[in-house]
Amino acid sequence: MPPLKYLSAYPAHLQSQVRELIDQGRLGDVLRKRYPSAHDVRTDRALYEYVSELKSRHLRNAAPINKVLYDSSLGLTAKALGTHTSVSRVQGAKLKARHEIRVATLFRDAAPEFLRMIVVHELAHLKAREHDKAFYQLCVHMEPQYHQYEFDLRLHLTQLDLDSAERTA
C-alpha cells in the first residue's frame, strides 16, 4: 500500500489504525458516521459572513478582512486548502493592507467542522504568520477541537484519494 501522504507526520500506531480501516474498507463509513452532514455555507457571500462572524467573536482587534471566497484553483493538486494573503499598498502617506481569505471549493460540500477548521486556520494567520506554537494555541482558542478536526480532515483527504484511485482503476 502506498504511504499515507496526509498522515506522514503522525505516529506509526495511528497510521496502522488508519491502514486497518482502509484494508477493511471502513474508512469512508467511519467518517460518514462521525460527520453525517454538509454545511449550508454555499456562496462566497455566505462564506464572507461566516468568516466575519468568527473573526468578530475571536479576533476583534485583528485587521479587517476585505475579501473571502471559494477558490477552485485551491485543493489537493495545489497543495493548499485555504490561503490568507495580505497585499500592502501605499495610499498617500499611509500603508494600507488588504487581507483576503480563499477556501478550496472542495469545502463547499464538506462537513461544517472541516470548513470551520480551515477558516480558523486562515484567521489565525491574521495574528501569527508562522505555524508555530502561538499559531496553534490561537487555533485551539478559536476551535477547541481543532487538532481532532485537522486529523479527521486528513482522513477525509485520504478517503478522497482512495475514491479517486478507485474510479481511475
N, C-alpha and C. Protein backbone atom coordinates (compact mmCIF):
# COMPACT_ATOMS: atom_id res chain seq x y z
N MET A 1 0.85 -1.19 0.00
CA MET A 1 0.00 0.00 0.00
C MET A 1 0.89 1.24 0.00
N PRO A 2 0.52 2.26 -0.78
CA PRO A 2 1.32 3.48 -0.82
C PRO A 2 1.32 4.19 0.54
N PRO A 3 2.28 5.08 0.77
CA PRO A 3 2.32 5.80 2.05
C PRO A 3 1.10 6.70 2.21
N LEU A 4 0.73 6.94 3.44
CA LEU A 4 -0.40 7.82 3.75
C LEU A 4 0.13 9.25 3.76
N LYS A 5 0.08 9.91 2.60
CA LYS A 5 0.75 11.20 2.45
C LYS A 5 0.19 12.30 3.35
N TYR A 6 -1.07 12.24 3.67
CA TYR A 6 -1.65 13.27 4.53
C TYR A 6 -1.42 12.98 6.00
N LEU A 7 -0.94 11.79 6.31
CA LEU A 7 -0.75 11.38 7.70
C LEU A 7 0.70 11.06 8.02
N SER A 8 1.61 11.43 7.15
CA SER A 8 3.01 11.02 7.31
C SER A 8 3.65 11.57 8.59
N ALA A 9 3.18 12.68 9.13
CA ALA A 9 3.76 13.26 10.34
C ALA A 9 3.19 12.65 11.62
N TYR A 10 2.20 11.79 11.49
CA TYR A 10 1.57 11.20 12.66
C TYR A 10 2.29 9.92 13.08
N PRO A 11 2.15 9.53 14.35
CA PRO A 11 2.84 8.32 14.84
C PRO A 11 2.42 7.06 14.09
N ALA A 12 3.32 6.08 14.09
CA ALA A 12 3.11 4.83 13.35
C ALA A 12 1.87 4.09 13.82
N HIS A 13 1.58 4.13 15.13
CA HIS A 13 0.40 3.40 15.61
C HIS A 13 -0.90 3.98 15.06
N LEU A 14 -0.96 5.30 14.88
CA LEU A 14 -2.16 5.90 14.27
C LEU A 14 -2.25 5.54 12.79
N GLN A 15 -1.12 5.57 12.11
CA GLN A 15 -1.11 5.21 10.69
C GLN A 15 -1.54 3.76 10.50
N SER A 16 -1.11 2.88 11.40
CA SER A 16 -1.50 1.47 11.26
C SER A 16 -3.00 1.29 11.49
N GLN A 17 -3.58 2.07 12.41
CA GLN A 17 -5.03 2.01 12.63
C GLN A 17 -5.77 2.48 11.37
N VAL A 18 -5.26 3.50 10.74
CA VAL A 18 -5.89 4.02 9.52
C VAL A 18 -5.76 2.98 8.40
N ARG A 19 -4.60 2.37 8.26
CA ARG A 19 -4.39 1.33 7.25
C ARG A 19 -5.36 0.16 7.47
N GLU A 20 -5.58 -0.17 8.72
CA GLU A 20 -6.52 -1.26 9.03
C GLU A 20 -7.93 -0.90 8.57
N LEU A 21 -8.35 0.34 8.83
CA LEU A 21 -9.67 0.79 8.38
C LEU A 21 -9.75 0.76 6.85
N ILE A 22 -8.67 1.17 6.19
CA ILE A 22 -8.65 1.16 4.73
C ILE A 22 -8.73 -0.27 4.21
N ASP A 23 -7.93 -1.17 4.80
CA ASP A 23 -7.94 -2.57 4.37
C ASP A 23 -9.31 -3.21 4.54
N GLN A 24 -10.02 -2.80 5.57
CA GLN A 24 -11.36 -3.33 5.82
C GLN A 24 -12.43 -2.60 5.01
N GLY A 25 -12.04 -1.53 4.32
CA GLY A 25 -12.99 -0.75 3.54
C GLY A 25 -13.96 0.04 4.40
N ARG A 26 -13.53 0.41 5.60
CA ARG A 26 -14.42 1.07 6.55
C ARG A 26 -14.11 2.55 6.79
N LEU A 27 -13.04 3.08 6.20
CA LEU A 27 -12.66 4.47 6.48
C LEU A 27 -13.77 5.44 6.10
N GLY A 28 -14.32 5.29 4.92
CA GLY A 28 -15.41 6.17 4.48
C GLY A 28 -16.63 6.09 5.38
N ASP A 29 -16.97 4.86 5.81
CA ASP A 29 -18.12 4.69 6.71
C ASP A 29 -17.90 5.37 8.05
N VAL A 30 -16.69 5.23 8.59
CA VAL A 30 -16.37 5.86 9.88
C VAL A 30 -16.51 7.37 9.77
N LEU A 31 -15.99 7.94 8.69
CA LEU A 31 -16.07 9.39 8.51
C LEU A 31 -17.51 9.86 8.30
N ARG A 32 -18.27 9.11 7.51
CA ARG A 32 -19.68 9.49 7.29
C ARG A 32 -20.49 9.41 8.58
N LYS A 33 -20.16 8.47 9.42
CA LYS A 33 -20.87 8.35 10.70
C LYS A 33 -20.50 9.50 11.63
N ARG A 34 -19.23 9.88 11.64
CA ARG A 34 -18.76 10.95 12.51
C ARG A 34 -19.20 12.32 12.01
N TYR A 35 -19.24 12.49 10.68
CA TYR A 35 -19.60 13.78 10.06
C TYR A 35 -20.69 13.53 9.02
N PRO A 36 -21.95 13.38 9.48
CA PRO A 36 -23.02 12.93 8.58
C PRO A 36 -23.55 13.99 7.61
N SER A 37 -23.35 15.26 7.90
CA SER A 37 -23.99 16.26 7.04
C SER A 37 -23.00 17.31 6.57
N ALA A 38 -23.40 18.00 5.52
CA ALA A 38 -22.61 19.10 4.98
C ALA A 38 -23.16 20.41 5.53
N HIS A 39 -22.34 21.43 5.53
CA HIS A 39 -22.78 22.74 5.99
C HIS A 39 -23.62 23.41 4.91
N ASP A 40 -24.19 24.55 5.24
CA ASP A 40 -25.02 25.27 4.26
C ASP A 40 -24.40 26.60 3.83
N VAL A 41 -23.09 26.75 3.97
CA VAL A 41 -22.38 27.95 3.53
C VAL A 41 -21.96 27.71 2.09
N ARG A 42 -22.82 28.03 1.16
CA ARG A 42 -22.61 27.66 -0.24
C ARG A 42 -22.03 28.76 -1.12
N THR A 43 -22.32 30.01 -0.81
CA THR A 43 -21.91 31.10 -1.68
C THR A 43 -20.73 31.86 -1.07
N ASP A 44 -20.06 32.64 -1.90
CA ASP A 44 -18.96 33.47 -1.41
C ASP A 44 -19.46 34.48 -0.37
N ARG A 45 -20.64 35.01 -0.60
CA ARG A 45 -21.20 35.98 0.35
C ARG A 45 -21.47 35.32 1.70
N ALA A 46 -22.05 34.13 1.68
CA ALA A 46 -22.32 33.40 2.93
C ALA A 46 -21.00 33.05 3.62
N LEU A 47 -19.99 32.70 2.84
CA LEU A 47 -18.67 32.39 3.41
C LEU A 47 -18.07 33.63 4.05
N TYR A 48 -18.19 34.78 3.40
CA TYR A 48 -17.69 36.03 3.97
C TYR A 48 -18.37 36.32 5.31
N GLU A 49 -19.68 36.15 5.36
CA GLU A 49 -20.42 36.39 6.60
C GLU A 49 -20.01 35.39 7.69
N TYR A 50 -19.80 34.14 7.31
CA TYR A 50 -19.37 33.10 8.25
C TYR A 50 -18.01 33.46 8.84
N VAL A 51 -17.06 33.83 7.98
CA VAL A 51 -15.71 34.19 8.42
C VAL A 51 -15.75 35.45 9.28
N SER A 52 -16.53 36.44 8.86
CA SER A 52 -16.63 37.69 9.61
C SER A 52 -17.19 37.47 11.00
N GLU A 53 -18.16 36.58 11.11
CA GLU A 53 -18.74 36.28 12.42
C GLU A 53 -17.72 35.62 13.33
N LEU A 54 -16.97 34.66 12.82
CA LEU A 54 -15.92 34.02 13.61
C LEU A 54 -14.85 35.03 14.02
N LYS A 55 -14.46 35.88 13.08
CA LYS A 55 -13.45 36.88 13.38
C LYS A 55 -13.92 37.85 14.45
N SER A 56 -15.16 38.31 14.35
CA SER A 56 -15.66 39.27 15.34
C SER A 56 -15.80 38.63 16.72
N ARG A 57 -16.03 37.34 16.77
CA ARG A 57 -16.15 36.65 18.05
C ARG A 57 -14.78 36.44 18.71
N HIS A 58 -13.75 36.13 17.92
CA HIS A 58 -12.47 35.72 18.49
C HIS A 58 -11.32 36.69 18.25
N LEU A 59 -11.37 37.49 17.19
CA LEU A 59 -10.25 38.35 16.82
C LEU A 59 -10.71 39.77 16.54
N ARG A 60 -11.38 40.37 17.49
CA ARG A 60 -11.95 41.71 17.29
C ARG A 60 -10.89 42.76 16.92
N ASN A 61 -9.70 42.63 17.49
CA ASN A 61 -8.67 43.66 17.27
C ASN A 61 -7.79 43.37 16.05
N ALA A 62 -8.04 42.29 15.36
CA ALA A 62 -7.24 41.96 14.18
C ALA A 62 -7.66 42.84 13.00
N ALA A 63 -6.78 42.88 12.03
CA ALA A 63 -7.05 43.68 10.83
C ALA A 63 -8.33 43.20 10.14
N PRO A 64 -9.04 44.12 9.49
CA PRO A 64 -10.26 43.72 8.79
C PRO A 64 -9.96 42.82 7.60
N ILE A 65 -10.93 41.99 7.26
CA ILE A 65 -10.82 41.11 6.10
C ILE A 65 -11.60 41.75 4.97
N ASN A 66 -10.94 41.92 3.84
CA ASN A 66 -11.57 42.60 2.72
C ASN A 66 -12.29 41.67 1.76
N LYS A 67 -11.82 40.43 1.66
CA LYS A 67 -12.41 39.51 0.68
C LYS A 67 -12.30 38.09 1.21
N VAL A 68 -13.39 37.33 1.04
CA VAL A 68 -13.42 35.90 1.38
C VAL A 68 -14.17 35.21 0.26
N LEU A 69 -13.59 34.14 -0.26
CA LEU A 69 -14.28 33.43 -1.34
C LEU A 69 -13.79 32.00 -1.46
N TYR A 70 -14.62 31.19 -2.12
CA TYR A 70 -14.24 29.84 -2.50
C TYR A 70 -13.37 29.96 -3.75
N ASP A 71 -12.29 29.18 -3.80
CA ASP A 71 -11.35 29.26 -4.92
C ASP A 71 -11.16 27.87 -5.52
N SER A 72 -11.54 27.73 -6.77
CA SER A 72 -11.43 26.43 -7.43
C SER A 72 -9.99 26.07 -7.78
N SER A 73 -9.08 27.02 -7.74
CA SER A 73 -7.68 26.70 -8.04
C SER A 73 -6.96 26.10 -6.83
N LEU A 74 -7.59 26.17 -5.67
CA LEU A 74 -7.01 25.56 -4.48
C LEU A 74 -7.54 24.15 -4.34
N GLY A 75 -6.78 23.31 -3.69
CA GLY A 75 -7.23 21.94 -3.45
C GLY A 75 -6.06 21.00 -3.38
N LEU A 76 -6.34 19.74 -3.59
CA LEU A 76 -5.32 18.71 -3.43
C LEU A 76 -4.17 18.88 -4.39
N THR A 77 -4.45 19.30 -5.62
CA THR A 77 -3.36 19.46 -6.59
C THR A 77 -2.53 20.70 -6.29
N ALA A 78 -3.14 21.73 -5.74
CA ALA A 78 -2.40 22.95 -5.41
C ALA A 78 -1.69 22.83 -4.07
N LYS A 79 -1.96 21.76 -3.33
CA LYS A 79 -1.38 21.53 -2.01
C LYS A 79 -1.71 22.64 -1.03
N ALA A 80 -2.86 23.27 -1.20
CA ALA A 80 -3.34 24.29 -0.28
C ALA A 80 -4.85 24.17 -0.21
N LEU A 81 -5.37 24.13 0.99
CA LEU A 81 -6.81 24.02 1.17
C LEU A 81 -7.44 25.37 1.50
N GLY A 82 -6.58 26.29 1.84
CA GLY A 82 -7.01 27.65 2.12
C GLY A 82 -5.79 28.54 2.10
N THR A 83 -6.01 29.82 1.83
CA THR A 83 -4.89 30.76 1.85
C THR A 83 -5.34 32.05 2.49
N HIS A 84 -4.38 32.70 3.12
CA HIS A 84 -4.57 34.04 3.63
C HIS A 84 -3.51 34.90 2.96
N THR A 85 -3.92 35.92 2.28
CA THR A 85 -2.95 36.82 1.65
C THR A 85 -3.15 38.23 2.18
N SER A 86 -2.06 38.92 2.24
CA SER A 86 -2.08 40.31 2.67
C SER A 86 -1.34 41.12 1.62
N VAL A 87 -2.03 42.07 1.03
CA VAL A 87 -1.44 42.91 0.00
C VAL A 87 -1.36 44.32 0.55
N SER A 88 -0.16 44.87 0.60
CA SER A 88 0.03 46.22 1.11
C SER A 88 0.13 47.21 -0.05
N ARG A 89 -0.52 48.33 0.12
CA ARG A 89 -0.49 49.38 -0.89
C ARG A 89 -0.24 50.73 -0.22
N VAL A 90 0.46 51.58 -0.91
CA VAL A 90 0.70 52.92 -0.40
C VAL A 90 -0.45 53.80 -0.85
N GLN A 91 -1.08 54.47 0.11
CA GLN A 91 -2.13 55.43 -0.19
C GLN A 91 -1.77 56.74 0.50
N GLY A 92 -1.20 57.62 -0.27
CA GLY A 92 -0.72 58.88 0.31
C GLY A 92 0.47 58.61 1.20
N ALA A 93 0.37 59.03 2.44
CA ALA A 93 1.46 58.82 3.40
C ALA A 93 1.25 57.55 4.22
N LYS A 94 0.18 56.81 3.92
CA LYS A 94 -0.14 55.62 4.72
C LYS A 94 0.07 54.34 3.92
N LEU A 95 0.36 53.29 4.64
CA LEU A 95 0.48 51.96 4.05
C LEU A 95 -0.77 51.18 4.46
N LYS A 96 -1.58 50.80 3.50
CA LYS A 96 -2.83 50.08 3.76
C LYS A 96 -2.67 48.62 3.36
N ALA A 97 -3.16 47.72 4.20
CA ALA A 97 -3.10 46.29 3.90
C ALA A 97 -4.51 45.78 3.64
N ARG A 98 -4.63 44.96 2.62
CA ARG A 98 -5.89 44.30 2.31
C ARG A 98 -5.69 42.82 2.56
N HIS A 99 -6.59 42.23 3.33
CA HIS A 99 -6.50 40.81 3.68
C HIS A 99 -7.57 40.02 2.94
N GLU A 100 -7.13 38.92 2.33
CA GLU A 100 -8.04 38.02 1.62
C GLU A 100 -7.89 36.62 2.16
N ILE A 101 -9.01 35.94 2.27
CA ILE A 101 -9.01 34.52 2.64
C ILE A 101 -9.70 33.77 1.50
N ARG A 102 -9.02 32.76 1.02
CA ARG A 102 -9.57 31.90 -0.03
C ARG A 102 -9.63 30.48 0.51
N VAL A 103 -10.76 29.82 0.27
CA VAL A 103 -11.00 28.46 0.75
C VAL A 103 -11.24 27.57 -0.47
N ALA A 104 -10.60 26.42 -0.49
CA ALA A 104 -10.75 25.49 -1.62
C ALA A 104 -12.22 25.12 -1.79
N THR A 105 -12.67 25.05 -3.04
CA THR A 105 -14.09 24.75 -3.29
C THR A 105 -14.49 23.36 -2.82
N LEU A 106 -13.53 22.47 -2.58
CA LEU A 106 -13.91 21.14 -2.08
C LEU A 106 -14.58 21.24 -0.71
N PHE A 107 -14.42 22.38 -0.02
CA PHE A 107 -15.07 22.57 1.28
C PHE A 107 -16.50 23.07 1.16
N ARG A 108 -16.93 23.37 -0.05
CA ARG A 108 -18.31 23.81 -0.25
C ARG A 108 -19.29 22.70 0.13
N ASP A 109 -18.88 21.45 -0.05
CA ASP A 109 -19.74 20.31 0.26
C ASP A 109 -19.22 19.48 1.43
N ALA A 110 -18.34 20.04 2.23
CA ALA A 110 -17.72 19.30 3.34
C ALA A 110 -18.55 19.44 4.61
N ALA A 111 -18.13 18.69 5.61
CA ALA A 111 -18.76 18.77 6.93
C ALA A 111 -18.50 20.16 7.52
N PRO A 112 -19.42 20.67 8.32
CA PRO A 112 -19.24 22.00 8.90
C PRO A 112 -17.97 22.11 9.75
N GLU A 113 -17.58 21.01 10.38
CA GLU A 113 -16.38 21.02 11.22
C GLU A 113 -15.12 21.23 10.38
N PHE A 114 -15.10 20.68 9.18
CA PHE A 114 -13.93 20.85 8.31
C PHE A 114 -13.83 22.28 7.80
N LEU A 115 -14.96 22.86 7.44
CA LEU A 115 -14.96 24.26 7.00
C LEU A 115 -14.49 25.15 8.14
N ARG A 116 -15.02 24.90 9.32
CA ARG A 116 -14.63 25.70 10.49
C ARG A 116 -13.13 25.59 10.75
N MET A 117 -12.58 24.38 10.65
CA MET A 117 -11.16 24.18 10.90
C MET A 117 -10.31 24.99 9.92
N ILE A 118 -10.68 24.95 8.64
CA ILE A 118 -9.92 25.70 7.62
C ILE A 118 -10.04 27.21 7.87
N VAL A 119 -11.23 27.67 8.17
CA VAL A 119 -11.44 29.11 8.41
C VAL A 119 -10.67 29.56 9.65
N VAL A 120 -10.72 28.78 10.71
CA VAL A 120 -9.98 29.11 11.93
C VAL A 120 -8.48 29.18 11.62
N HIS A 121 -8.00 28.22 10.84
CA HIS A 121 -6.58 28.19 10.46
C HIS A 121 -6.20 29.47 9.72
N GLU A 122 -7.00 29.86 8.75
CA GLU A 122 -6.68 31.06 7.97
C GLU A 122 -6.84 32.33 8.80
N LEU A 123 -7.83 32.38 9.68
CA LEU A 123 -7.98 33.54 10.55
C LEU A 123 -6.79 33.68 11.50
N ALA A 124 -6.26 32.57 11.97
CA ALA A 124 -5.11 32.62 12.87
C ALA A 124 -3.92 33.29 12.21
N HIS A 125 -3.84 33.21 10.88
CA HIS A 125 -2.75 33.86 10.17
C HIS A 125 -2.84 35.39 10.23
N LEU A 126 -3.98 35.94 10.62
CA LEU A 126 -4.07 37.38 10.81
C LEU A 126 -3.17 37.83 11.96
N LYS A 127 -2.99 36.97 12.94
CA LYS A 127 -2.18 37.29 14.13
C LYS A 127 -0.80 36.64 14.09
N ALA A 128 -0.70 35.45 13.53
CA ALA A 128 0.57 34.71 13.54
C ALA A 128 0.85 34.20 12.13
N ARG A 129 1.95 34.61 11.56
CA ARG A 129 2.29 34.22 10.19
C ARG A 129 2.77 32.77 10.09
N GLU A 130 3.60 32.37 11.04
CA GLU A 130 4.22 31.04 11.00
C GLU A 130 3.35 30.00 11.71
N HIS A 131 3.55 28.75 11.34
CA HIS A 131 2.86 27.65 12.00
C HIS A 131 3.67 27.24 13.23
N ASP A 132 3.65 28.09 14.24
CA ASP A 132 4.40 27.82 15.45
C ASP A 132 3.45 27.55 16.61
N LYS A 133 4.00 27.45 17.81
CA LYS A 133 3.19 27.13 18.98
C LYS A 133 2.08 28.17 19.21
N ALA A 134 2.43 29.44 19.09
CA ALA A 134 1.44 30.50 19.28
C ALA A 134 0.30 30.41 18.26
N PHE A 135 0.65 30.06 17.03
CA PHE A 135 -0.35 29.91 15.97
C PHE A 135 -1.36 28.83 16.36
N TYR A 136 -0.87 27.65 16.74
CA TYR A 136 -1.76 26.55 17.08
C TYR A 136 -2.53 26.80 18.38
N GLN A 137 -1.95 27.55 19.30
CA GLN A 137 -2.69 27.93 20.51
C GLN A 137 -3.87 28.83 20.14
N LEU A 138 -3.66 29.73 19.19
CA LEU A 138 -4.74 30.59 18.73
C LEU A 138 -5.83 29.77 18.03
N CYS A 139 -5.41 28.80 17.21
CA CYS A 139 -6.38 27.92 16.55
C CYS A 139 -7.24 27.19 17.58
N VAL A 140 -6.60 26.66 18.61
CA VAL A 140 -7.33 25.92 19.65
C VAL A 140 -8.21 26.87 20.46
N HIS A 141 -7.78 28.10 20.63
CA HIS A 141 -8.61 29.09 21.32
C HIS A 141 -9.91 29.32 20.55
N MET A 142 -9.80 29.42 19.23
CA MET A 142 -11.00 29.67 18.40
C MET A 142 -11.83 28.41 18.21
N GLU A 143 -11.18 27.24 18.17
CA GLU A 143 -11.88 25.96 17.99
C GLU A 143 -11.19 24.91 18.87
N PRO A 144 -11.76 24.62 20.03
CA PRO A 144 -11.12 23.66 20.95
C PRO A 144 -10.85 22.28 20.35
N GLN A 145 -11.63 21.87 19.37
CA GLN A 145 -11.44 20.57 18.72
C GLN A 145 -10.58 20.66 17.47
N TYR A 146 -9.82 21.73 17.34
CA TYR A 146 -9.04 22.00 16.12
C TYR A 146 -8.19 20.80 15.70
N HIS A 147 -7.42 20.25 16.62
CA HIS A 147 -6.49 19.17 16.25
C HIS A 147 -7.24 17.90 15.82
N GLN A 148 -8.36 17.61 16.46
CA GLN A 148 -9.15 16.45 16.05
C GLN A 148 -9.73 16.66 14.66
N TYR A 149 -10.25 17.86 14.40
CA TYR A 149 -10.81 18.16 13.08
C TYR A 149 -9.73 18.12 12.00
N GLU A 150 -8.53 18.59 12.34
CA GLU A 150 -7.44 18.54 11.36
C GLU A 150 -7.09 17.09 11.04
N PHE A 151 -7.00 16.26 12.04
CA PHE A 151 -6.69 14.84 11.81
C PHE A 151 -7.79 14.19 10.97
N ASP A 152 -9.04 14.44 11.34
CA ASP A 152 -10.15 13.86 10.59
C ASP A 152 -10.23 14.39 9.17
N LEU A 153 -9.85 15.65 8.97
CA LEU A 153 -9.79 16.19 7.61
C LEU A 153 -8.73 15.45 6.80
N ARG A 154 -7.62 15.14 7.42
CA ARG A 154 -6.58 14.37 6.73
C ARG A 154 -7.09 12.97 6.38
N LEU A 155 -7.90 12.39 7.25
CA LEU A 155 -8.53 11.10 6.93
C LEU A 155 -9.47 11.27 5.74
N HIS A 156 -10.22 12.35 5.74
CA HIS A 156 -11.16 12.64 4.65
C HIS A 156 -10.41 12.79 3.32
N LEU A 157 -9.29 13.51 3.34
CA LEU A 157 -8.50 13.68 2.13
C LEU A 157 -7.92 12.35 1.66
N THR A 158 -7.53 11.51 2.60
CA THR A 158 -7.05 10.16 2.26
C THR A 158 -8.16 9.38 1.58
N GLN A 159 -9.39 9.46 2.11
CA GLN A 159 -10.52 8.77 1.51
C GLN A 159 -10.82 9.31 0.11
N LEU A 160 -10.71 10.63 -0.07
CA LEU A 160 -10.92 11.21 -1.41
C LEU A 160 -9.90 10.66 -2.40
N ASP A 161 -8.65 10.52 -1.97
CA ASP A 161 -7.62 9.93 -2.83
C ASP A 161 -7.95 8.49 -3.18
N LEU A 162 -8.40 7.73 -2.18
CA LEU A 162 -8.77 6.33 -2.43
C LEU A 162 -9.93 6.24 -3.42
N ASP A 163 -10.93 7.09 -3.24
CA ASP A 163 -12.08 7.11 -4.15
C ASP A 163 -11.64 7.46 -5.57
N SER A 164 -10.74 8.43 -5.68
CA SER A 164 -10.24 8.85 -6.99
C SER A 164 -9.46 7.73 -7.66
N ALA A 165 -8.62 7.04 -6.90
CA ALA A 165 -7.84 5.92 -7.45
C ALA A 165 -8.75 4.79 -7.88
N GLU A 166 -9.84 4.58 -7.14
CA GLU A 166 -10.80 3.52 -7.45
C GLU A 166 -11.53 3.83 -8.76
N ARG A 167 -11.85 5.11 -8.97
CA ARG A 167 -12.56 5.49 -10.20
C ARG A 167 -11.67 5.36 -11.43
N THR A 168 -10.37 5.62 -11.27
CA THR A 168 -9.48 5.56 -12.42
C THR A 168 -8.99 4.14 -12.70
N ALA A 169 -9.18 3.25 -11.74
CA ALA A 169 -8.71 1.85 -11.93
C ALA A 169 -9.67 1.03 -12.78
